[in-house]
Amino acid sequence: MGKENVDIACVSLRRLILKGLPSLNNFCSGKSCLKFPLLERVAVSKCPRMEIFSEGNTSTPSLRK
């Protein structure tokens, strides 16, 4: 039996800061769909092993460059 993929929604999250996580490879290892409708800022620092945020689809309509 394989893993079930589900939608994950963080409806109130506006900022996500990942700092000083040397063992972190990714934020979400499954192929789940991540939804962050209000996310405006993402900062990742000192996470040398991180190569990918998520293997699944990620929706961030409020995130800008």
PDB file of N, CA and C in Angstrom:
ATOM      1  N   MET A   1       0.844  -1.179   0.000  1.00  0.00           N
ATOM      2  CA  MET A   1       0.000   0.000   0.000  1.00  0.00           C
ATOM      3  C   MET A   1       0.891   1.244   0.000  1.00  0.00           C
ATOM      4  N   GLY A   2       0.681   2.182  -0.927  1.00  0.00           N
ATOM      5  CA  GLY A   2       1.490   3.387  -1.040  1.00  0.00           C
ATOM      6  C   GLY A   2       0.980   4.503  -0.151  1.00  0.00           C
ATOM      7  N   LYS A   3       1.760   5.567  -0.113  1.00  0.00           N
ATOM      8  CA  LYS A   3       1.358   6.735   0.660  1.00  0.00           C
ATOM      9  C   LYS A   3       0.189   7.424  -0.021  1.00  0.00           C
ATOM     10  N   GLU A   4      -0.736   7.912   0.788  1.00  0.00           N
ATOM     11  CA  GLU A   4      -1.846   8.685   0.241  1.00  0.00           C
ATOM     12  C   GLU A   4      -1.440  10.156   0.240  1.00  0.00           C
ATOM     13  N   ASN A   5      -1.625  10.814  -0.877  1.00  0.00           N
ATOM     14  CA  ASN A   5      -1.305  12.231  -0.975  1.00  0.00           C
ATOM     15  C   ASN A   5      -2.552  13.042  -0.680  1.00  0.00           C
ATOM     16  N   VAL A   6      -2.395  14.046   0.159  1.00  0.00           N
ATOM     17  CA  VAL A   6      -3.510  14.891   0.549  1.00  0.00           C
ATOM     18  C   VAL A   6      -3.146  16.349   0.300  1.00  0.00           C
ATOM     19  N   ASP A   7      -4.160  17.192   0.214  1.00  0.00           N
ATOM     20  CA  ASP A   7      -3.927  18.625   0.127  1.00  0.00           C
ATOM     21  C   ASP A   7      -3.647  19.150   1.528  1.00  0.00           C
ATOM     22  N   ILE A   8      -2.643  19.989   1.648  1.00  0.00           N
ATOM     23  CA  ILE A   8      -2.294  20.606   2.920  1.00  0.00           C
ATOM     24  C   ILE A   8      -2.448  22.107   2.735  1.00  0.00           C
ATOM     25  N   ALA A   9      -3.324  22.722   3.530  1.00  0.00           N
ATOM     26  CA  ALA A   9      -3.578  24.153   3.410  1.00  0.00           C
ATOM     27  C   ALA A   9      -3.203  24.865   4.705  1.00  0.00           C
ATOM     28  N   CYS A  10      -2.353  25.858   4.587  1.00  0.00           N
ATOM     29  CA  CYS A  10      -1.974  26.712   5.718  1.00  0.00           C
ATOM     30  C   CYS A  10      -2.598  28.073   5.426  1.00  0.00           C
ATOM     31  N   VAL A  11      -3.859  28.215   5.760  1.00  0.00           N
ATOM     32  CA  VAL A  11      -4.649  29.363   5.307  1.00  0.00           C
ATOM     33  C   VAL A  11      -4.299  30.684   5.984  1.00  0.00           C
ATOM     34  N   SER A  12      -3.642  30.660   7.142  1.00  0.00           N
ATOM     35  CA  SER A  12      -3.309  31.903   7.845  1.00  0.00           C
ATOM     36  C   SER A  12      -1.829  32.265   7.791  1.00  0.00           C
ATOM     37  N   LEU A  13      -1.002  31.388   7.258  1.00  0.00           N
ATOM     38  CA  LEU A  13       0.446  31.609   7.256  1.00  0.00           C
ATOM     39  C   LEU A  13       0.829  32.737   6.301  1.00  0.00           C
ATOM     40  N   ARG A  14       1.527  33.746   6.836  1.00  0.00           N
ATOM     41  CA  ARG A  14       1.963  34.879   6.024  1.00  0.00           C
ATOM     42  C   ARG A  14       3.472  34.891   5.797  1.00  0.00           C
ATOM     43  N   ARG A  15       4.231  34.353   6.768  1.00  0.00           N
ATOM     44  CA  ARG A  15       5.689  34.305   6.656  1.00  0.00           C
ATOM     45  C   ARG A  15       6.176  32.915   7.040  1.00  0.00           C
ATOM     46  N   LEU A  16       7.156  32.421   6.305  1.00  0.00           N
ATOM     47  CA  LEU A  16       7.783  31.135   6.594  1.00  0.00           C
ATOM     48  C   LEU A  16       9.290  31.354   6.588  1.00  0.00           C
ATOM     49  N   ILE A  17       9.915  31.133   7.738  1.00  0.00           N
ATOM     50  CA  ILE A  17      11.352  31.321   7.867  1.00  0.00           C
ATOM     51  C   ILE A  17      11.969  30.003   8.320  1.00  0.00           C
ATOM     52  N   LEU A  18      12.863  29.469   7.506  1.00  0.00           N
ATOM     53  CA  LEU A  18      13.587  28.236   7.813  1.00  0.00           C
ATOM     54  C   LEU A  18      15.054  28.618   7.940  1.00  0.00           C
ATOM     55  N   LYS A  19      15.604  28.509   9.141  1.00  0.00           N
ATOM     56  CA  LYS A  19      16.969  28.983   9.382  1.00  0.00           C
ATOM     57  C   LYS A  19      17.709  28.006  10.294  1.00  0.00           C
ATOM     58  N   GLY A  20      18.931  27.681   9.922  1.00  0.00           N
ATOM     59  CA  GLY A  20      19.776  26.848  10.762  1.00  0.00           C
ATOM     60  C   GLY A  20      19.275  25.426  10.924  1.00  0.00           C
ATOM     61  N   LEU A  21      18.841  24.825   9.819  1.00  0.00           N
ATOM     62  CA  LEU A  21      18.338  23.450   9.828  1.00  0.00           C
ATOM     63  C   LEU A  21      19.243  22.604   8.934  1.00  0.00           C
ATOM     64  N   PRO A  22      20.400  22.181   9.439  1.00  0.00           N
ATOM     65  CA  PRO A  22      21.394  21.516   8.598  1.00  0.00           C
ATOM     66  C   PRO A  22      20.975  20.161   8.037  1.00  0.00           C
ATOM     67  N   SER A  23      19.988  19.518   8.621  1.00  0.00           N
ATOM     68  CA  SER A  23      19.557  18.198   8.135  1.00  0.00           C
ATOM     69  C   SER A  23      18.317  18.263   7.246  1.00  0.00           C
ATOM     70  N   LEU A  24      17.758  19.442   7.069  1.00  0.00           N
ATOM     71  CA  LEU A  24      16.524  19.580   6.287  1.00  0.00           C
ATOM     72  C   LEU A  24      16.805  19.375   4.801  1.00  0.00           C
ATOM     73  N   ASN A  25      16.155  18.375   4.203  1.00  0.00           N
ATOM     74  CA  ASN A  25      16.300  18.100   2.768  1.00  0.00           C
ATOM     75  C   ASN A  25      15.219  18.790   1.955  1.00  0.00           C
ATOM     76  N   ASN A  26      14.008  18.825   2.494  1.00  0.00           N
ATOM     77  CA  ASN A  26      12.875  19.466   1.833  1.00  0.00           C
ATOM     78  C   ASN A  26      11.825  19.803   2.883  1.00  0.00           C
ATOM     79  N   PHE A  27      10.887  20.657   2.518  1.00  0.00           N
ATOM     80  CA  PHE A  27       9.833  21.057   3.441  1.00  0.00           C
ATOM     81  C   PHE A  27       8.732  20.007   3.481  1.00  0.00           C
ATOM     82  N   CYS A  28       8.418  19.431   2.337  1.00  0.00           N
ATOM     83  CA  CYS A  28       7.385  18.393   2.246  1.00  0.00           C
ATOM     84  C   CYS A  28       7.905  17.292   1.328  1.00  0.00           C
ATOM     85  N   SER A  29       8.100  16.101   1.887  1.00  0.00           N
ATOM     86  CA  SER A  29       8.705  15.019   1.108  1.00  0.00           C
ATOM     87  C   SER A  29       7.705  14.251   0.250  1.00  0.00           C
ATOM     88  N   GLY A  30       6.423  14.390   0.520  1.00  0.00           N
ATOM     89  CA  GLY A  30       5.421  13.699  -0.283  1.00  0.00           C
ATOM     90  C   GLY A  30       5.018  14.502  -1.497  1.00  0.00           C
ATOM     91  N   LYS A  31       4.104  13.978  -2.269  1.00  0.00           N
ATOM     92  CA  LYS A  31       3.623  14.678  -3.460  1.00  0.00           C
ATOM     93  C   LYS A  31       2.301  15.389  -3.179  1.00  0.00           C
ATOM     94  N   SER A  32       2.071  15.714  -1.910  1.00  0.00           N
ATOM     95  CA  SER A  32       0.861  16.426  -1.524  1.00  0.00           C
ATOM     96  C   SER A  32       0.857  17.822  -2.127  1.00  0.00           C
ATOM     97  N   CYS A  33      -0.324  18.369  -2.318  1.00  0.00           N
ATOM     98  CA  CYS A  33      -0.479  19.729  -2.815  1.00  0.00           C
ATOM     99  C   CYS A  33      -0.472  20.674  -1.615  1.00  0.00           C
ATOM    100  N   LEU A  34       0.469  21.618  -1.607  1.00  0.00           N
ATOM    101  CA  LEU A  34       0.563  22.593  -0.527  1.00  0.00           C
ATOM    102  C   LEU A  34      -0.099  23.887  -0.973  1.00  0.00           C
ATOM    103  N   LYS A  35      -0.957  24.425  -0.112  1.00  0.00           N
ATOM    104  CA  LYS A  35      -1.652  25.676  -0.434  1.00  0.00           C
ATOM    105  C   LYS A  35      -1.368  26.701   0.658  1.00  0.00           C
ATOM    106  N   PHE A  36      -0.800  27.826   0.253  1.00  0.00           N
ATOM    107  CA  PHE A  36      -0.475  28.926   1.152  1.00  0.00           C
ATOM    108  C   PHE A  36      -1.108  30.195   0.572  1.00  0.00           C
ATOM    109  N   PRO A  37      -2.402  30.399   0.731  1.00  0.00           N
ATOM    110  CA  PRO A  37      -3.074  31.514   0.062  1.00  0.00           C
ATOM    111  C   PRO A  37      -2.622  32.905   0.508  1.00  0.00           C
ATOM    112  N   LEU A  38      -2.136  33.066   1.741  1.00  0.00           N
ATOM    113  CA  LEU A  38      -1.732  34.382   2.234  1.00  0.00           C
ATOM    114  C   LEU A  38      -0.224  34.549   2.386  1.00  0.00           C
ATOM    115  N   LEU A  39       0.550  33.542   2.023  1.00  0.00           N
ATOM    116  CA  LEU A  39       2.000  33.590   2.204  1.00  0.00           C
ATOM    117  C   LEU A  39       2.612  34.714   1.374  1.00  0.00           C
ATOM    118  N   GLU A  40       3.312  35.635   2.060  1.00  0.00           N
ATOM    119  CA  GLU A  40       3.921  36.784   1.396  1.00  0.00           C
ATOM    120  C   GLU A  40       5.441  36.733   1.398  1.00  0.00           C
ATOM    121  N   ARG A  41       6.009  35.972   2.335  1.00  0.00           N
ATOM    122  CA  ARG A  41       7.474  35.961   2.452  1.00  0.00           C
ATOM    123  C   ARG A  41       7.973  34.574   2.835  1.00  0.00           C
ATOM    124  N   VAL A  42       9.028  34.134   2.158  1.00  0.00           N
ATOM    125  CA  VAL A  42       9.716  32.886   2.481  1.00  0.00           C
ATOM    126  C   VAL A  42      11.204  33.207   2.563  1.00  0.00           C
ATOM    127  N   ALA A  43      11.831  32.778   3.647  1.00  0.00           N
ATOM    128  CA  ALA A  43      13.270  32.963   3.808  1.00  0.00           C
ATOM    129  C   ALA A  43      13.878  31.634   4.226  1.00  0.00           C
ATOM    130  N   VAL A  44      14.916  31.223   3.514  1.00  0.00           N
ATOM    131  CA  VAL A  44      15.620  29.982   3.826  1.00  0.00           C
ATOM    132  C   VAL A  44      17.104  30.320   3.920  1.00  0.00           C
ATOM    133  N   SER A  45      17.699  30.025   5.073  1.00  0.00           N
ATOM    134  CA  SER A  45      19.132  30.267   5.227  1.00  0.00           C
ATOM    135  C   SER A  45      19.745  29.213   6.140  1.00  0.00           C
ATOM    136  N   LYS A  46      20.989  28.912   5.868  1.00  0.00           N
ATOM    137  CA  LYS A  46      21.745  27.925   6.644  1.00  0.00           C
ATOM    138  C   LYS A  46      21.041  26.572   6.684  1.00  0.00           C
ATOM    139  N   CYS A  47      20.518  26.170   5.531  1.00  0.00           N
ATOM    140  CA  CYS A  47      19.909  24.850   5.331  1.00  0.00           C
ATOM    141  C   CYS A  47      20.645  24.206   4.150  1.00  0.00           C
ATOM    142  N   PRO A  48      21.893  23.779   4.353  1.00  0.00           N
ATOM    143  CA  PRO A  48      22.744  23.359   3.241  1.00  0.00           C
ATOM    144  C   PRO A  48      22.271  22.129   2.475  1.00  0.00           C
ATOM    145  N   ARG A  49      21.453  21.299   3.060  1.00  0.00           N
ATOM    146  CA  ARG A  49      21.000  20.087   2.368  1.00  0.00           C
ATOM    147  C   ARG A  49      19.698  20.298   1.599  1.00  0.00           C
ATOM    148  N   MET A  50      19.045  21.413   1.807  1.00  0.00           N
ATOM    149  CA  MET A  50      17.756  21.638   1.155  1.00  0.00           C
ATOM    150  C   MET A  50      17.957  21.855  -0.337  1.00  0.00           C
ATOM    151  N   GLU A  51      17.305  21.000  -1.125  1.00  0.00           N
ATOM    152  CA  GLU A  51      17.411  21.093  -2.579  1.00  0.00           C
ATOM    153  C   GLU A  51      16.076  21.423  -3.225  1.00  0.00           C
ATOM    154  N   ILE A  52      14.990  21.039  -2.580  1.00  0.00           N
ATOM    155  CA  ILE A  52      13.658  21.251  -3.147  1.00  0.00           C
ATOM    156  C   ILE A  52      12.690  21.549  -2.006  1.00  0.00           C
ATOM    157  N   PHE A  53      11.758  22.453  -2.240  1.00  0.00           N
ATOM    158  CA  PHE A  53      10.776  22.794  -1.212  1.00  0.00           C
ATOM    159  C   PHE A  53       9.759  21.672  -1.060  1.00  0.00           C
ATOM    160  N   SER A  54       9.190  21.224  -2.174  1.00  0.00           N
ATOM    161  CA  SER A  54       8.178  20.168  -2.150  1.00  0.00           C
ATOM    162  C   SER A  54       8.187  19.427  -3.480  1.00  0.00           C
ATOM    163  N   GLU A  55       7.895  18.139  -3.431  1.00  0.00           N
ATOM    164  CA  GLU A  55       7.810  17.347  -4.662  1.00  0.00           C
ATOM    165  C   GLU A  55       6.450  17.510  -5.338  1.00  0.00           C
ATOM    166  N   GLY A  56       5.461  17.958  -4.594  1.00  0.00           N
ATOM    167  CA  GLY A  56       4.118  18.143  -5.139  1.00  0.00           C
ATOM    168  C   GLY A  56       3.904  19.575  -5.605  1.00  0.00           C
ATOM    169  N   ASN A  57       2.695  19.881  -6.006  1.00  0.00           N
ATOM    170  CA  ASN A  57       2.342  21.235  -6.423  1.00  0.00           C
ATOM    171  C   ASN A  57       2.250  22.145  -5.207  1.00  0.00           C
ATOM    172  N   THR A  58       2.646  23.387  -5.387  1.00  0.00           N
ATOM    173  CA  THR A  58       2.577  24.375  -4.314  1.00  0.00           C
ATOM    174  C   THR A  58       1.885  25.617  -4.855  1.00  0.00           C
ATOM    175  N   SER A  59       0.860  26.061  -4.132  1.00  0.00           N
ATOM    176  CA  SER A  59       0.110  27.250  -4.529  1.00  0.00           C
ATOM    177  C   SER A  59       0.425  28.388  -3.558  1.00  0.00           C
ATOM    178  N   THR A  60       0.977  29.492  -4.091  1.00  0.00           N
ATOM    179  CA  THR A  60       1.322  30.669  -3.286  1.00  0.00           C
ATOM    180  C   THR A  60       0.903  31.938  -4.037  1.00  0.00           C
ATOM    181  N   PRO A  61      -0.392  32.192  -4.172  1.00  0.00           N
ATOM    182  CA  PRO A  61      -0.848  33.317  -4.988  1.00  0.00           C
ATOM    183  C   PRO A  61      -0.430  34.699  -4.478  1.00  0.00           C
ATOM    184  N   SER A  62      -0.121  34.849  -3.193  1.00  0.00           N
ATOM    185  CA  SER A  62       0.264  36.154  -2.643  1.00  0.00           C
ATOM    186  C   SER A  62       1.767  36.377  -2.610  1.00  0.00           C
ATOM    187  N   LEU A  63       2.541  35.350  -2.935  1.00  0.00           N
ATOM    188  CA  LEU A  63       4.001  35.448  -2.890  1.00  0.00           C
ATOM    189  C   LEU A  63       4.519  36.159  -4.136  1.00  0.00           C
ATOM    190  N   ARG A  64       5.359  37.155  -3.902  1.00  0.00           N
ATOM    191  CA  ARG A  64       5.957  37.921  -5.003  1.00  0.00           C
ATOM    192  C   ARG A  64       7.469  37.850  -4.894  1.00  0.00           C
ATOM    193  N   LYS A  65       8.166  38.135  -5.986  1.00  0.00           N
ATOM    194  CA  LYS A  65       9.638  38.160  -5.985  1.00  0.00           C
ATOM    195  C   LYS A  65      10.144  39.328  -5.185  1.00  0.00           C
TER     196      LYS A  65
END
